[in-house]
């Protein structure tokens, strides 16, 4: 059995909405929310941003088939029209390989592949 306990603080609806809007604006500016995507692909590792590691390998905009590393946030894979699961998986393999070669870091998937 799993149990949890939470301690919440009351706040005004206006303050909550203001915080939610701020978070939404930040996400909209930094993530490819206007595109079909496979989501955030890799976990951050050892205090390092997976997106930054991918970006520093020069992979933003890299494509395999119709799968593309997002120009907005390198830890997102955009599924362009005609994209297949195979395209996404091959791009994931390429990203892992390049980051491993350049930084000696093995990226761990955040997504579950069925």
PDB file of N, CA and C in Angstrom:
ATOM      1  N   UNK A   1       0.840  -1.174   0.000  1.00  0.00           N
ATOM      2  CA  UNK A   1       0.000   0.000   0.000  1.00  0.00           C
ATOM      3  C   UNK A   1       0.888   1.241   0.000  1.00  0.00           C
ATOM      4  N   UNK A   2       0.466   2.225  -0.727  1.00  0.00           N
ATOM      5  CA  UNK A   2       1.195   3.490  -0.824  1.00  0.00           C
ATOM      6  C   UNK A   2       0.316   4.583  -0.253  1.00  0.00           C
ATOM      7  N   UNK A   3       0.898   5.433   0.566  1.00  0.00           N
ATOM      8  CA  UNK A   3       0.149   6.531   1.164  1.00  0.00           C
ATOM      9  C   UNK A   3       0.959   7.811   1.029  1.00  0.00           C
ATOM     10  N   UNK A   4       0.269   8.919   1.111  1.00  0.00           N
ATOM     11  CA  UNK A   4       0.940  10.214   1.038  1.00  0.00           C
ATOM     12  C   UNK A   4       0.179  11.236   1.845  1.00  0.00           C
ATOM     13  N   UNK A   5       0.903  12.256   2.250  1.00  0.00           N
ATOM     14  CA  UNK A   5       0.271  13.333   3.007  1.00  0.00           C
ATOM     15  C   UNK A   5       0.718  14.645   2.390  1.00  0.00           C
ATOM     16  N   UNK A   6      -0.231  15.530   2.170  1.00  0.00           N
ATOM     17  CA  UNK A   6       0.050  16.823   1.565  1.00  0.00           C
ATOM     18  C   UNK A   6      -0.384  17.929   2.503  1.00  0.00           C
ATOM     19  N   UNK A   7       0.395  18.998   2.487  1.00  0.00           N
ATOM     20  CA  UNK A   7       0.014  20.166   3.254  1.00  0.00           C
ATOM     21  C   UNK A   7      -0.178  21.304   2.257  1.00  0.00           C
ATOM     22  N   UNK A   8      -1.385  21.781   2.146  1.00  0.00           N
ATOM     23  CA  UNK A   8      -1.714  22.819   1.179  1.00  0.00           C
ATOM     24  C   UNK A   8      -1.985  24.135   1.888  1.00  0.00           C
ATOM     25  N   UNK A   9      -1.721  25.210   1.157  1.00  0.00           N
ATOM     26  CA  UNK A   9      -1.991  26.530   1.694  1.00  0.00           C
ATOM     27  C   UNK A   9      -3.103  27.172   0.880  1.00  0.00           C
ATOM     28  N   UNK A  10      -4.088  27.749   1.529  1.00  0.00           N
ATOM     29  CA  UNK A  10      -5.162  28.412   0.774  1.00  0.00           C
ATOM     30  C   UNK A  10      -4.619  29.670   0.081  1.00  0.00           C
ATOM     31  N   UNK A  11      -5.233  29.986  -1.050  1.00  0.00           N
ATOM     32  CA  UNK A  11      -4.865  31.193  -1.777  1.00  0.00           C
ATOM     33  C   UNK A  11      -6.093  31.667  -2.543  1.00  0.00           C
ATOM     34  N   UNK A  12      -6.068  32.899  -2.958  1.00  0.00           N
ATOM     35  CA  UNK A  12      -7.215  33.446  -3.684  1.00  0.00           C
ATOM     36  C   UNK A  12      -7.237  32.875  -5.100  1.00  0.00           C
ATOM     37  N   UNK A  13      -8.418  32.703  -5.668  1.00  0.00           N
ATOM     38  CA  UNK A  13      -8.511  32.222  -7.051  1.00  0.00           C
ATOM     39  C   UNK A  13      -7.728  33.107  -8.024  1.00  0.00           C
ATOM     40  N   UNK A  14      -7.719  34.412  -7.798  1.00  0.00           N
ATOM     41  CA  UNK A  14      -6.997  35.332  -8.674  1.00  0.00           C
ATOM     42  C   UNK A  14      -5.493  35.057  -8.655  1.00  0.00           C
ATOM     43  N   UNK A  15      -4.936  34.810  -7.472  1.00  0.00           N
ATOM     44  CA  UNK A  15      -3.499  34.532  -7.351  1.00  0.00           C
ATOM     45  C   UNK A  15      -3.150  33.204  -8.028  1.00  0.00           C
ATOM     46  N   UNK A  16      -4.015  32.227  -7.888  1.00  0.00           N
ATOM     47  CA  UNK A  16      -3.775  30.922  -8.517  1.00  0.00           C
ATOM     48  C   UNK A  16      -3.807  31.059 -10.034  1.00  0.00           C
ATOM     49  N   UNK A  17      -4.791  31.767 -10.556  1.00  0.00           N
ATOM     50  CA  UNK A  17      -4.889  31.985 -11.999  1.00  0.00           C
ATOM     51  C   UNK A  17      -3.665  32.739 -12.508  1.00  0.00           C
ATOM     52  N   UNK A  18      -3.213  33.726 -11.749  1.00  0.00           N
ATOM     53  CA  UNK A  18      -2.027  34.495 -12.150  1.00  0.00           C
ATOM     54  C   UNK A  18      -0.791  33.589 -12.248  1.00  0.00           C
ATOM     55  N   UNK A  19      -0.603  32.699 -11.272  1.00  0.00           N
ATOM     56  CA  UNK A  19       0.531  31.758 -11.306  1.00  0.00           C
ATOM     57  C   UNK A  19       0.412  30.802 -12.487  1.00  0.00           C
ATOM     58  N   UNK A  20      -0.802  30.314 -12.734  1.00  0.00           N
ATOM     59  CA  UNK A  20      -1.014  29.388 -13.848  1.00  0.00           C
ATOM     60  C   UNK A  20      -0.719  30.069 -15.185  1.00  0.00           C
ATOM     61  N   UNK A  21      -1.150  31.310 -15.332  1.00  0.00           N
ATOM     62  CA  UNK A  21      -0.867  32.046 -16.569  1.00  0.00           C
ATOM     63  C   UNK A  21       0.625  32.251 -16.771  1.00  0.00           C
ATOM     64  N   UNK A  22       1.328  32.559 -15.693  1.00  0.00           N
ATOM     65  CA  UNK A  22       2.783  32.768 -15.773  1.00  0.00           C
ATOM     66  C   UNK A  22       3.473  31.473 -16.226  1.00  0.00           C
ATOM     67  N   UNK A  23       3.057  30.354 -15.660  1.00  0.00           N
ATOM     68  CA  UNK A  23       3.630  29.054 -16.043  1.00  0.00           C
ATOM     69  C   UNK A  23       3.320  28.766 -17.506  1.00  0.00           C
ATOM     70  N   UNK A  24       2.071  29.014 -17.934  1.00  0.00           N
ATOM     71  CA  UNK A  24       1.687  28.764 -19.319  1.00  0.00           C
ATOM     72  C   UNK A  24       2.506  29.617 -20.281  1.00  0.00           C
ATOM     73  N   UNK A  25       2.704  30.884 -19.956  1.00  0.00           N
ATOM     74  CA  UNK A  25       3.488  31.778 -20.819  1.00  0.00           C
ATOM     75  C   UNK A  25       4.924  31.282 -20.930  1.00  0.00           C
ATOM     76  N   UNK A  26       5.496  30.860 -19.811  1.00  0.00           N
ATOM     77  CA  UNK A  26       6.872  30.343 -19.808  1.00  0.00           C
ATOM     78  C   UNK A  26       6.970  29.091 -20.672  1.00  0.00           C
ATOM     79  N   UNK A  27       6.034  28.162 -20.512  1.00  0.00           N
ATOM     80  CA  UNK A  27       6.047  26.933 -21.315  1.00  0.00           C
ATOM     81  C   UNK A  27       5.840  27.235 -22.790  1.00  0.00           C
ATOM     82  N   UNK A  28       4.925  28.119 -23.089  1.00  0.00           N
ATOM     83  CA  UNK A  28       4.639  28.451 -24.486  1.00  0.00           C
ATOM     84  C   UNK A  28       5.863  29.059 -25.172  1.00  0.00           C
ATOM     85  N   UNK A  29       6.638  29.823 -24.416  1.00  0.00           N
ATOM     86  CA  UNK A  29       7.829  30.461 -24.974  1.00  0.00           C
ATOM     87  C   UNK A  29       8.986  29.480 -25.153  1.00  0.00           C
ATOM     88  N   UNK A  30       9.010  28.402 -24.371  1.00  0.00           N
ATOM     89  CA  UNK A  30      10.177  27.522 -24.392  1.00  0.00           C
ATOM     90  C   UNK A  30       9.916  26.131 -24.948  1.00  0.00           C
ATOM     91  N   UNK A  31       8.658  25.768 -25.182  1.00  0.00           N
ATOM     92  CA  UNK A  31       8.347  24.423 -25.660  1.00  0.00           C
ATOM     93  C   UNK A  31       7.517  24.497 -26.936  1.00  0.00           C
ATOM     94  N   UNK A  32       7.635  23.471 -27.781  1.00  0.00           N
ATOM     95  CA  UNK A  32       6.915  23.485 -29.065  1.00  0.00           C
ATOM     96  C   UNK A  32       5.451  23.069 -28.919  1.00  0.00           C
ATOM     97  N   UNK A  33       4.691  23.830 -28.152  1.00  0.00           N
ATOM     98  CA  UNK A  33       3.315  23.457 -27.852  1.00  0.00           C
ATOM     99  C   UNK A  33       2.385  23.562 -29.060  1.00  0.00           C
ATOM    100  N   UNK A  34       2.765  24.310 -30.073  1.00  0.00           N
ATOM    101  CA  UNK A  34       1.923  24.478 -31.248  1.00  0.00           C
ATOM    102  C   UNK A  34       2.111  23.383 -32.283  1.00  0.00           C
ATOM    103  N   UNK A  35       2.935  22.372 -31.975  1.00  0.00           N
ATOM    104  CA  UNK A  35       3.237  21.308 -32.918  1.00  0.00           C
ATOM    105  C   UNK A  35       2.884  19.962 -32.302  1.00  0.00           C
ATOM    106  N   UNK A  36       2.615  18.978 -33.169  1.00  0.00           N
ATOM    107  CA  UNK A  36       2.489  17.606 -32.688  1.00  0.00           C
ATOM    108  C   UNK A  36       3.888  17.171 -32.268  1.00  0.00           C
ATOM    109  N   UNK A  37       3.994  16.611 -31.079  1.00  0.00           N
ATOM    110  CA  UNK A  37       5.324  16.182 -30.654  1.00  0.00           C
ATOM    111  C   UNK A  37       5.229  14.892 -29.866  1.00  0.00           C
ATOM    112  N   UNK A  38       6.367  14.258 -29.734  1.00  0.00           N
ATOM    113  CA  UNK A  38       6.474  13.049 -28.924  1.00  0.00           C
ATOM    114  C   UNK A  38       6.732  13.433 -27.472  1.00  0.00           C
ATOM    115  N   UNK A  39       6.684  14.713 -27.169  1.00  0.00           N
ATOM    116  CA  UNK A  39       6.858  15.185 -25.799  1.00  0.00           C
ATOM    117  C   UNK A  39       8.306  15.340 -25.404  1.00  0.00           C
ATOM    118  N   UNK A  40       8.511  15.570 -24.132  1.00  0.00           N
ATOM    119  CA  UNK A  40       9.847  15.695 -23.556  1.00  0.00           C
ATOM    120  C   UNK A  40      10.432  14.282 -23.499  1.00  0.00           C
ATOM    121  N   UNK A  41      11.524  14.050 -24.168  1.00  0.00           N
ATOM    122  CA  UNK A  41      12.011  12.701 -24.429  1.00  0.00           C
ATOM    123  C   UNK A  41      12.933  12.150 -23.345  1.00  0.00           C
ATOM    124  N   UNK A  42      13.896  12.932 -22.890  1.00  0.00           N
ATOM    125  CA  UNK A  42      14.920  12.432 -21.980  1.00  0.00           C
ATOM    126  C   UNK A  42      14.847  13.067 -20.601  1.00  0.00           C
ATOM    127  N   UNK A  43      15.234  12.304 -19.596  1.00  0.00           N
ATOM    128  CA  UNK A  43      15.336  12.824 -18.233  1.00  0.00           C
ATOM    129  C   UNK A  43      16.608  13.659 -18.125  1.00  0.00           C
ATOM    130  N   UNK A  44      16.560  14.695 -17.290  1.00  0.00           N
ATOM    131  CA  UNK A  44      17.777  15.420 -16.973  1.00  0.00           C
ATOM    132  C   UNK A  44      18.646  14.484 -16.141  1.00  0.00           C
ATOM    133  N   UNK A  45      19.951  14.595 -16.316  1.00  0.00           N
ATOM    134  CA  UNK A  45      20.847  13.659 -15.657  1.00  0.00           C
ATOM    135  C   UNK A  45      21.974  14.374 -14.934  1.00  0.00           C
ATOM    136  N   UNK A  46      22.295  13.916 -13.769  1.00  0.00           N
ATOM    137  CA  UNK A  46      23.391  14.478 -12.968  1.00  0.00           C
ATOM    138  C   UNK A  46      23.355  16.003 -12.909  1.00  0.00           C
ATOM    139  N   UNK A  47      22.184  16.558 -12.776  1.00  0.00           N
ATOM    140  CA  UNK A  47      22.050  18.003 -12.685  1.00  0.00           C
ATOM    141  C   UNK A  47      22.237  18.722 -14.012  1.00  0.00           C
ATOM    142  N   UNK A  48      22.312  17.961 -15.099  1.00  0.00           N
ATOM    143  CA  UNK A  48      22.500  18.553 -16.420  1.00  0.00           C
ATOM    144  C   UNK A  48      21.182  18.525 -17.184  1.00  0.00           C
ATOM    145  N   UNK A  49      20.902  19.579 -17.908  1.00  0.00           N
ATOM    146  CA  UNK A  49      19.698  19.644 -18.726  1.00  0.00           C
ATOM    147  C   UNK A  49      19.899  18.805 -19.981  1.00  0.00           C
ATOM    148  N   UNK A  50      19.037  17.808 -20.178  1.00  0.00           N
ATOM    149  CA  UNK A  50      19.120  16.986 -21.381  1.00  0.00           C
ATOM    150  C   UNK A  50      18.959  17.856 -22.627  1.00  0.00           C
ATOM    151  N   UNK A  51      18.030  18.810 -22.583  1.00  0.00           N
ATOM    152  CA  UNK A  51      17.822  19.690 -23.723  1.00  0.00           C
ATOM    153  C   UNK A  51      19.065  20.496 -24.075  1.00  0.00           C
ATOM    154  N   UNK A  52      19.762  20.970 -23.055  1.00  0.00           N
ATOM    155  CA  UNK A  52      20.975  21.751 -23.301  1.00  0.00           C
ATOM    156  C   UNK A  52      22.085  20.872 -23.879  1.00  0.00           C
ATOM    157  N   UNK A  53      22.217  19.653 -23.371  1.00  0.00           N
ATOM    158  CA  UNK A  53      23.226  18.733 -23.926  1.00  0.00           C
ATOM    159  C   UNK A  53      22.944  18.458 -25.398  1.00  0.00           C
ATOM    160  N   UNK A  54      21.671  18.223 -25.725  1.00  0.00           N
ATOM    161  CA  UNK A  54      21.294  17.954 -27.115  1.00  0.00           C
ATOM    162  C   UNK A  54      21.583  19.179 -27.979  1.00  0.00           C
ATOM    163  N   UNK A  55      21.216  20.346 -27.468  1.00  0.00           N
ATOM    164  CA  UNK A  55      21.461  21.588 -28.200  1.00  0.00           C
ATOM    165  C   UNK A  55      22.951  21.786 -28.457  1.00  0.00           C
ATOM    166  N   UNK A  56      23.781  21.490 -27.454  1.00  0.00           N
ATOM    167  CA  UNK A  56      25.227  21.696 -27.591  1.00  0.00           C
ATOM    168  C   UNK A  56      25.887  20.703 -28.547  1.00  0.00           C
ATOM    169  N   UNK A  57      25.176  19.657 -28.940  1.00  0.00           N
ATOM    170  CA  UNK A  57      25.704  18.759 -29.969  1.00  0.00           C
ATOM    171  C   UNK A  57      25.332  19.255 -31.364  1.00  0.00           C
ATOM    172  N   UNK A  58      24.549  20.339 -31.414  1.00  0.00           N
ATOM    173  CA  UNK A  58      24.158  20.901 -32.707  1.00  0.00           C
ATOM    174  C   UNK A  58      22.994  20.177 -33.353  1.00  0.00           C
ATOM    175  N   UNK A  59      22.192  19.473 -32.564  1.00  0.00           N
ATOM    176  CA  UNK A  59      21.112  18.664 -33.129  1.00  0.00           C
ATOM    177  C   UNK A  59      19.761  19.370 -33.263  1.00  0.00           C
ATOM    178  N   UNK A  60      19.631  20.608 -32.801  1.00  0.00           N
ATOM    179  CA  UNK A  60      18.357  21.309 -33.006  1.00  0.00           C
ATOM    180  C   UNK A  60      18.062  21.339 -34.500  1.00  0.00           C
ATOM    181  N   UNK A  61      16.865  20.918 -34.867  1.00  0.00           N
ATOM    182  CA  UNK A  61      16.477  20.905 -36.273  1.00  0.00           C
ATOM    183  C   UNK A  61      16.875  19.629 -37.013  1.00  0.00           C
ATOM    184  N   UNK A  62      17.643  18.737 -36.360  1.00  0.00           N
ATOM    185  CA  UNK A  62      18.043  17.483 -37.007  1.00  0.00           C
ATOM    186  C   UNK A  62      16.805  16.637 -37.266  1.00  0.00           C
ATOM    187  N   UNK A  63      16.801  15.925 -38.404  1.00  0.00           N
ATOM    188  CA  UNK A  63      15.639  15.128 -38.788  1.00  0.00           C
ATOM    189  C   UNK A  63      16.040  13.698 -39.112  1.00  0.00           C
ATOM    190  N   UNK A  64      15.124  12.802 -38.800  1.00  0.00           N
ATOM    191  CA  UNK A  64      15.161  11.431 -39.301  1.00  0.00           C
ATOM    192  C   UNK A  64      13.758  11.190 -39.831  1.00  0.00           C
ATOM    193  N   UNK A  65      13.649  10.993 -41.139  1.00  0.00           N
ATOM    194  CA  UNK A  65      12.329  10.899 -41.746  1.00  0.00           C
ATOM    195  C   UNK A  65      11.576  12.185 -41.468  1.00  0.00           C
ATOM    196  N   UNK A  66      10.399  12.065 -40.871  1.00  0.00           N
ATOM    197  CA  UNK A  66       9.602  13.254 -40.546  1.00  0.00           C
ATOM    198  C   UNK A  66       9.646  13.612 -39.063  1.00  0.00           C
ATOM    199  N   UNK A  67      10.535  12.966 -38.306  1.00  0.00           N
ATOM    200  CA  UNK A  67      10.742  13.319 -36.900  1.00  0.00           C
ATOM    201  C   UNK A  67      11.869  14.340 -36.833  1.00  0.00           C
ATOM    202  N   UNK A  68      11.683  15.369 -35.998  1.00  0.00           N
ATOM    203  CA  UNK A  68      12.641  16.477 -35.960  1.00  0.00           C
ATOM    204  C   UNK A  68      12.891  16.933 -34.529  1.00  0.00           C
ATOM    205  N   UNK A  69      14.165  17.189 -34.212  1.00  0.00           N
ATOM    206  CA  UNK A  69      14.496  17.785 -32.920  1.00  0.00           C
ATOM    207  C   UNK A  69      13.993  19.221 -32.965  1.00  0.00           C
ATOM    208  N   UNK A  70      13.173  19.584 -31.994  1.00  0.00           N
ATOM    209  CA  UNK A  70      12.555  20.905 -31.979  1.00  0.00           C
ATOM    210  C   UNK A  70      13.590  22.017 -31.981  1.00  0.00           C
ATOM    211  N   UNK A  71      13.320  23.036 -32.766  1.00  0.00           N
ATOM    212  CA  UNK A  71      14.165  24.240 -32.779  1.00  0.00           C
ATOM    213  C   UNK A  71      13.952  25.054 -31.514  1.00  0.00           C
ATOM    214  N   UNK A  72      12.789  24.904 -30.894  1.00  0.00           N
ATOM    215  CA  UNK A  72      12.455  25.691 -29.708  1.00  0.00           C
ATOM    216  C   UNK A  72      13.041  25.078 -28.437  1.00  0.00           C
ATOM    217  N   UNK A  73      12.966  23.762 -28.298  1.00  0.00           N
ATOM    218  CA  UNK A  73      13.468  23.066 -27.108  1.00  0.00           C
ATOM    219  C   UNK A  73      13.995  21.717 -27.565  1.00  0.00           C
ATOM    220  N   UNK A  74      15.298  21.521 -27.472  1.00  0.00           N
ATOM    221  CA  UNK A  74      15.950  20.349 -28.054  1.00  0.00           C
ATOM    222  C   UNK A  74      15.562  19.027 -27.400  1.00  0.00           C
ATOM    223  N   UNK A  75      14.894  19.046 -26.254  1.00  0.00           N
ATOM    224  CA  UNK A  75      14.477  17.788 -25.624  1.00  0.00           C
ATOM    225  C   UNK A  75      13.076  17.377 -26.080  1.00  0.00           C
ATOM    226  N   UNK A  76      12.560  18.013 -27.115  1.00  0.00           N
ATOM    227  CA  UNK A  76      11.271  17.648 -27.692  1.00  0.00           C
ATOM    228  C   UNK A  76      11.499  17.185 -29.121  1.00  0.00           C
ATOM    229  N   UNK A  77      10.790  16.141 -29.509  1.00  0.00           N
ATOM    230  CA  UNK A  77      10.827  15.676 -30.893  1.00  0.00           C
ATOM    231  C   UNK A  77       9.477  16.009 -31.518  1.00  0.00           C
ATOM    232  N   UNK A  78       9.545  16.791 -32.596  1.00  0.00           N
ATOM    233  CA  UNK A  78       8.345  17.203 -33.310  1.00  0.00           C
ATOM    234  C   UNK A  78       8.003  16.133 -34.341  1.00  0.00           C
ATOM    235  N   UNK A  79       6.733  15.761 -34.372  1.00  0.00           N
ATOM    236  CA  UNK A  79       6.243  14.771 -35.337  1.00  0.00           C
ATOM    237  C   UNK A  79       5.600  15.518 -36.497  1.00  0.00           C
ATOM    238  N   UNK A  80       6.373  15.747 -37.559  1.00  0.00           N
ATOM    239  CA  UNK A  80       5.860  16.417 -38.755  1.00  0.00           C
ATOM    240  C   UNK A  80       4.943  15.461 -39.520  1.00  0.00           C
ATOM    241  N   UNK A  81       4.134  15.984 -40.442  1.00  0.00           N
ATOM    242  CA  UNK A  81       3.231  15.104 -41.205  1.00  0.00           C
ATOM    243  C   UNK A  81       3.992  13.923 -41.808  1.00  0.00           C
ATOM    244  N   UNK A  82       3.413  12.740 -41.654  1.00  0.00           N
ATOM    245  CA  UNK A  82       4.022  11.522 -42.185  1.00  0.00           C
ATOM    246  C   UNK A  82       4.996  10.852 -41.230  1.00  0.00           C
ATOM    247  N   UNK A  83       5.169  11.430 -40.051  1.00  0.00           N
ATOM    248  CA  UNK A  83       6.112  10.887 -39.072  1.00  0.00           C
ATOM    249  C   UNK A  83       5.641   9.518 -38.586  1.00  0.00           C
ATOM    250  N   UNK A  84       6.595   8.614 -38.434  1.00  0.00           N
ATOM    251  CA  UNK A  84       6.297   7.280 -37.915  1.00  0.00           C
ATOM    252  C   UNK A  84       7.027   7.065 -36.596  1.00  0.00           C
ATOM    253  N   UNK A  85       6.576   6.066 -35.860  1.00  0.00           N
ATOM    254  CA  UNK A  85       7.263   5.705 -34.615  1.00  0.00           C
ATOM    255  C   UNK A  85       8.714   5.339 -34.909  1.00  0.00           C
ATOM    256  N   UNK A  86       8.947   4.682 -36.029  1.00  0.00           N
ATOM    257  CA  UNK A  86      10.323   4.308 -36.408  1.00  0.00           C
ATOM    258  C   UNK A  86      11.196   5.555 -36.584  1.00  0.00           C
ATOM    259  N   UNK A  87      10.639   6.613 -37.187  1.00  0.00           N
ATOM    260  CA  UNK A  87      11.388   7.875 -37.338  1.00  0.00           C
ATOM    261  C   UNK A  87      11.804   8.404 -35.968  1.00  0.00           C
ATOM    262  N   UNK A  88      10.853   8.428 -35.038  1.00  0.00           N
ATOM    263  CA  UNK A  88      11.116   8.948 -33.697  1.00  0.00           C
ATOM    264  C   UNK A  88      12.177   8.097 -32.996  1.00  0.00           C
ATOM    265  N   UNK A  89      12.045   6.785 -33.058  1.00  0.00           N
ATOM    266  CA  UNK A  89      12.997   5.901 -32.379  1.00  0.00           C
ATOM    267  C   UNK A  89      14.392   6.011 -32.978  1.00  0.00           C
ATOM    268  N   UNK A  90      14.489   6.150 -34.282  1.00  0.00           N
ATOM    269  CA  UNK A  90      15.805   6.320 -34.919  1.00  0.00           C
ATOM    270  C   UNK A  90      16.427   7.654 -34.523  1.00  0.00           C
ATOM    271  N   UNK A  91      15.601   8.703 -34.419  1.00  0.00           N
ATOM    272  CA  UNK A  91      16.115  10.008 -33.993  1.00  0.00           C
ATOM    273  C   UNK A  91      16.574   9.945 -32.540  1.00  0.00           C
ATOM    274  N   UNK A  92      15.823   9.255 -31.695  1.00  0.00           N
ATOM    275  CA  UNK A  92      16.234   9.066 -30.292  1.00  0.00           C
ATOM    276  C   UNK A  92      17.595   8.386 -30.236  1.00  0.00           C
ATOM    277  N   UNK A  93      17.779   7.337 -31.029  1.00  0.00           N
ATOM    278  CA  UNK A  93      19.069   6.629 -31.052  1.00  0.00           C
ATOM    279  C   UNK A  93      20.207   7.555 -31.485  1.00  0.00           C
ATOM    280  N   UNK A  94      19.942   8.396 -32.503  1.00  0.00           N
ATOM    281  CA  UNK A  94      20.968   9.325 -32.980  1.00  0.00           C
ATOM    282  C   UNK A  94      21.322  10.335 -31.880  1.00  0.00           C
ATOM    283  N   UNK A  95      20.312  10.873 -31.204  1.00  0.00           N
ATOM    284  CA  UNK A  95      20.551  11.849 -30.137  1.00  0.00           C
ATOM    285  C   UNK A  95      21.390  11.212 -29.031  1.00  0.00           C
ATOM    286  N   UNK A  96      20.982  10.034 -28.576  1.00  0.00           N
ATOM    287  CA  UNK A  96      21.716   9.342 -27.507  1.00  0.00           C
ATOM    288  C   UNK A  96      23.173   9.116 -27.901  1.00  0.00           C
ATOM    289  N   UNK A  97      23.371   8.686 -29.127  1.00  0.00           N
ATOM    290  CA  UNK A  97      24.722   8.398 -29.612  1.00  0.00           C
ATOM    291  C   UNK A  97      25.583   9.661 -29.626  1.00  0.00           C
ATOM    292  N   UNK A  98      25.060  10.738 -30.178  1.00  0.00           N
ATOM    293  CA  UNK A  98      25.846  11.985 -30.278  1.00  0.00           C
ATOM    294  C   UNK A  98      26.138  12.591 -28.913  1.00  0.00           C
ATOM    295  N   UNK A  99      25.157  12.590 -28.024  1.00  0.00           N
ATOM    296  CA  UNK A  99      25.380  13.138 -26.680  1.00  0.00           C
ATOM    297  C   UNK A  99      26.385  12.263 -25.936  1.00  0.00           C
ATOM    298  N   UNK A 100      26.270  10.955 -26.086  1.00  0.00           N
ATOM    299  CA  UNK A 100      27.224  10.044 -25.452  1.00  0.00           C
ATOM    300  C   UNK A 100      28.642  10.261 -25.945  1.00  0.00           C
ATOM    301  N   UNK A 101      28.804  10.420 -27.258  1.00  0.00           N
ATOM    302  CA  UNK A 101      30.127  10.644 -27.842  1.00  0.00           C
ATOM    303  C   UNK A 101      30.739  11.957 -27.373  1.00  0.00           C
ATOM    304  N   UNK A 102      29.951  13.005 -27.360  1.00  0.00           N
ATOM    305  CA  UNK A 102      30.469  14.341 -27.040  1.00  0.00           C
ATOM    306  C   UNK A 102      30.672  14.572 -25.549  1.00  0.00           C
ATOM    307  N   UNK A 103      29.750  14.066 -24.715  1.00  0.00           N
ATOM    308  CA  UNK A 103      29.787  14.392 -23.295  1.00  0.00           C
ATOM    309  C   UNK A 103      29.999  13.188 -22.382  1.00  0.00           C
ATOM    310  N   UNK A 104      29.965  11.972 -22.927  1.00  0.00           N
ATOM    311  CA  UNK A 104      30.099  10.787 -22.092  1.00  0.00           C
ATOM    312  C   UNK A 104      28.907  10.580 -21.173  1.00  0.00           C
ATOM    313  N   UNK A 105      27.742  11.097 -21.591  1.00  0.00           N
ATOM    314  CA  UNK A 105      26.523  11.004 -20.789  1.00  0.00           C
ATOM    315  C   UNK A 105      25.550  10.088 -21.517  1.00  0.00           C
ATOM    316  N   UNK A 106      24.995   9.118 -20.789  1.00  0.00           N
ATOM    317  CA  UNK A 106      23.971   8.258 -21.368  1.00  0.00           C
ATOM    318  C   UNK A 106      22.604   8.804 -21.001  1.00  0.00           C
ATOM    319  N   UNK A 107      21.888   9.303 -21.997  1.00  0.00           N
ATOM    320  CA  UNK A 107      20.572   9.873 -21.748  1.00  0.00           C
ATOM    321  C   UNK A 107      19.566   8.762 -21.498  1.00  0.00           C
ATOM    322  N   UNK A 108      18.758   8.952 -20.445  1.00  0.00           N
ATOM    323  CA  UNK A 108      17.718   7.996 -20.088  1.00  0.00           C
ATOM    324  C   UNK A 108      16.378   8.538 -20.554  1.00  0.00           C
ATOM    325  N   UNK A 109      15.576   7.656 -21.143  1.00  0.00           N
ATOM    326  CA  UNK A 109      14.271   8.075 -21.643  1.00  0.00           C
ATOM    327  C   UNK A 109      13.340   8.490 -20.514  1.00  0.00           C
ATOM    328  N   UNK A 110      12.619   9.563 -20.737  1.00  0.00           N
ATOM    329  CA  UNK A 110      11.547   9.977 -19.841  1.00  0.00           C
ATOM    330  C   UNK A 110      10.236   9.357 -20.300  1.00  0.00           C
ATOM    331  N   UNK A 111      10.131   9.121 -21.595  1.00  0.00           N
ATOM    332  CA  UNK A 111       8.939   8.505 -22.161  1.00  0.00           C
ATOM    333  C   UNK A 111       9.021   6.991 -22.032  1.00  0.00           C
ATOM    334  N   UNK A 112       7.888   6.333 -22.139  1.00  0.00           N
ATOM    335  CA  UNK A 112       7.842   4.866 -22.165  1.00  0.00           C
ATOM    336  C   UNK A 112       7.590   4.428 -23.592  1.00  0.00           C
ATOM    337  N   UNK A 113       8.424   3.528 -24.087  1.00  0.00           N
ATOM    338  CA  UNK A 113       8.254   2.989 -25.431  1.00  0.00           C
ATOM    339  C   UNK A 113       7.595   1.630 -25.301  1.00  0.00           C
ATOM    340  N   UNK A 114       6.454   1.481 -25.952  1.00  0.00           N
ATOM    341  CA  UNK A 114       5.717   0.220 -25.881  1.00  0.00           C
ATOM    342  C   UNK A 114       6.069  -0.645 -27.064  1.00  0.00           C
TER     343      UNK A 114
END
